[in-house]
Amino acid sequence: MCERQIKTNELTIMTRNLCRDFEYSLARNVKQNPKAFWGIVSPVGDKTKADLLNSFFKSVFSVLVPCWR
């Protein structure tokens, strides 16, 4: 393998590790620093964000069934 390919592979590995570490720290600190999370999410379109939140809350909350007889 040539030196250029070796350097490219090293750079790719370092980039993946940095992204993984950043996302891990972001997820770990989301309760203490929600602005950091929403700063990353904000470039996502409003429709996409609304659909994502809707699907999450739909899975958490169930339909209330009336208890009258």
C-alpha atoms as a PDB file:
ATOM      1  CA  MET A   1       0.000   0.000   0.000  1.00  0.00           C
ATOM      2  CA  CYS A   2       1.347   3.428  -0.829  1.00  0.00           C
ATOM      3  CA  GLU A   3       1.971   6.098   1.789  1.00  0.00           C
ATOM      4  CA  ARG A   4      -0.902   8.230   0.512  1.00  0.00           C
ATOM      5  CA  GLN A   5      -3.397   5.382   1.002  1.00  0.00           C
ATOM      6  CA  ILE A   6      -2.089   4.720   4.514  1.00  0.00           C
ATOM      7  CA  LYS A   7      -2.516   8.399   5.464  1.00  0.00           C
ATOM      8  CA  THR A   8      -6.016   8.424   3.962  1.00  0.00           C
ATOM      9  CA  ASN A   9      -6.989   5.366   5.996  1.00  0.00           C
ATOM     10  CA  GLU A  10      -5.586   6.902   9.182  1.00  0.00           C
ATOM     11  CA  LEU A  11      -7.495  10.119   8.549  1.00  0.00           C
ATOM     12  CA  THR A  12     -10.720   8.198   7.913  1.00  0.00           C
ATOM     13  CA  ILE A  13     -10.332   6.268  11.160  1.00  0.00           C
ATOM     14  CA  MET A  14      -9.585   9.437  13.124  1.00  0.00           C
ATOM     15  CA  THR A  15     -12.606  11.212  11.613  1.00  0.00           C
ATOM     16  CA  ARG A  16     -14.932   8.333  12.478  1.00  0.00           C
ATOM     17  CA  ASN A  17     -13.606   8.210  16.028  1.00  0.00           C
ATOM     18  CA  LEU A  18     -14.049  11.965  16.487  1.00  0.00           C
ATOM     19  CA  CYS A  19     -17.630  11.826  15.192  1.00  0.00           C
ATOM     20  CA  ARG A  20     -18.424   8.867  17.430  1.00  0.00           C
ATOM     21  CA  ASP A  21     -16.942  10.581  20.498  1.00  0.00           C
ATOM     22  CA  PHE A  22     -18.774  13.831  19.746  1.00  0.00           C
ATOM     23  CA  GLU A  23     -22.130  12.100  19.310  1.00  0.00           C
ATOM     24  CA  TYR A  24     -21.576  10.060  22.480  1.00  0.00           C
ATOM     25  CA  SER A  25     -20.789  13.141  24.561  1.00  0.00           C
ATOM     26  CA  LEU A  26     -23.747  14.980  23.018  1.00  0.00           C
ATOM     27  CA  ALA A  27     -26.108  12.141  23.936  1.00  0.00           C
ATOM     28  CA  ARG A  28     -24.612  11.794  27.409  1.00  0.00           C
ATOM     29  CA  ASN A  29     -25.005  15.514  28.187  1.00  0.00           C
ATOM     30  CA  VAL A  30     -28.358  16.173  26.505  1.00  0.00           C
ATOM     31  CA  LYS A  31     -30.175  16.698  29.824  1.00  0.00           C
ATOM     32  CA  GLN A  32     -27.569  19.186  31.085  1.00  0.00           C
ATOM     33  CA  ASN A  33     -27.132  20.979  27.760  1.00  0.00           C
ATOM     34  CA  PRO A  34     -30.201  20.601  25.504  1.00  0.00           C
ATOM     35  CA  LYS A  35     -29.162  23.587  23.359  1.00  0.00           C
ATOM     36  CA  ALA A  36     -26.191  21.622  22.059  1.00  0.00           C
ATOM     37  CA  PHE A  37     -28.502  18.818  20.951  1.00  0.00           C
ATOM     38  CA  TRP A  38     -31.013  21.144  19.300  1.00  0.00           C
ATOM     39  CA  GLY A  39     -28.173  23.059  17.654  1.00  0.00           C
ATOM     40  CA  ILE A  40     -27.285  19.869  15.804  1.00  0.00           C
ATOM     41  CA  VAL A  41     -30.892  18.900  15.097  1.00  0.00           C
ATOM     42  CA  SER A  42     -31.994  22.345  13.908  1.00  0.00           C
ATOM     43  CA  PRO A  43     -30.572  21.996  10.367  1.00  0.00           C
ATOM     44  CA  VAL A  44     -33.061  19.142   9.897  1.00  0.00           C
ATOM     45  CA  GLY A  45     -36.232  20.400   8.249  1.00  0.00           C
ATOM     46  CA  ASP A  46     -39.217  21.302  10.400  1.00  0.00           C
ATOM     47  CA  LYS A  47     -41.399  18.624   8.787  1.00  0.00           C
ATOM     48  CA  THR A  48     -38.790  15.953   9.428  1.00  0.00           C
ATOM     49  CA  LYS A  49     -38.323  17.105  13.015  1.00  0.00           C
ATOM     50  CA  ALA A  50     -42.091  17.150  13.615  1.00  0.00           C
ATOM     51  CA  ASP A  51     -42.490  13.661  12.151  1.00  0.00           C
ATOM     52  CA  LEU A  52     -39.659  12.329  14.306  1.00  0.00           C
ATOM     53  CA  LEU A  53     -41.069  13.807  17.510  1.00  0.00           C
ATOM     54  CA  ASN A  54     -44.587  12.690  16.578  1.00  0.00           C
ATOM     55  CA  SER A  55     -43.507   9.083  16.063  1.00  0.00           C
ATOM     56  CA  PHE A  56     -41.657   9.128  19.388  1.00  0.00           C
ATOM     57  CA  PHE A  57     -44.567  10.501  21.391  1.00  0.00           C
ATOM     58  CA  LYS A  58     -47.034   8.262  19.582  1.00  0.00           C
ATOM     59  CA  SER A  59     -45.065   5.252  20.811  1.00  0.00           C
ATOM     60  CA  VAL A  60     -44.903   6.587  24.375  1.00  0.00           C
ATOM     61  CA  PHE A  61     -48.489   7.693  24.905  1.00  0.00           C
ATOM     62  CA  SER A  62     -51.438   5.435  24.304  1.00  0.00           C
ATOM     63  CA  VAL A  63     -55.017   6.293  23.459  1.00  0.00           C
ATOM     64  CA  LEU A  64     -57.185   6.863  26.517  1.00  0.00           C
ATOM     65  CA  VAL A  65     -60.150   4.529  26.702  1.00  0.00           C
ATOM     66  CA  PRO A  66     -63.244   5.968  28.450  1.00  0.00           C
ATOM     67  CA  CYS A  67     -64.078   4.077  31.613  1.00  0.00           C
ATOM     68  CA  TRP A  68     -67.820   4.786  31.754  1.00  0.00           C
ATOM     69  CA  ARG A  69     -70.309   1.974  31.368  1.00  0.00           C
END
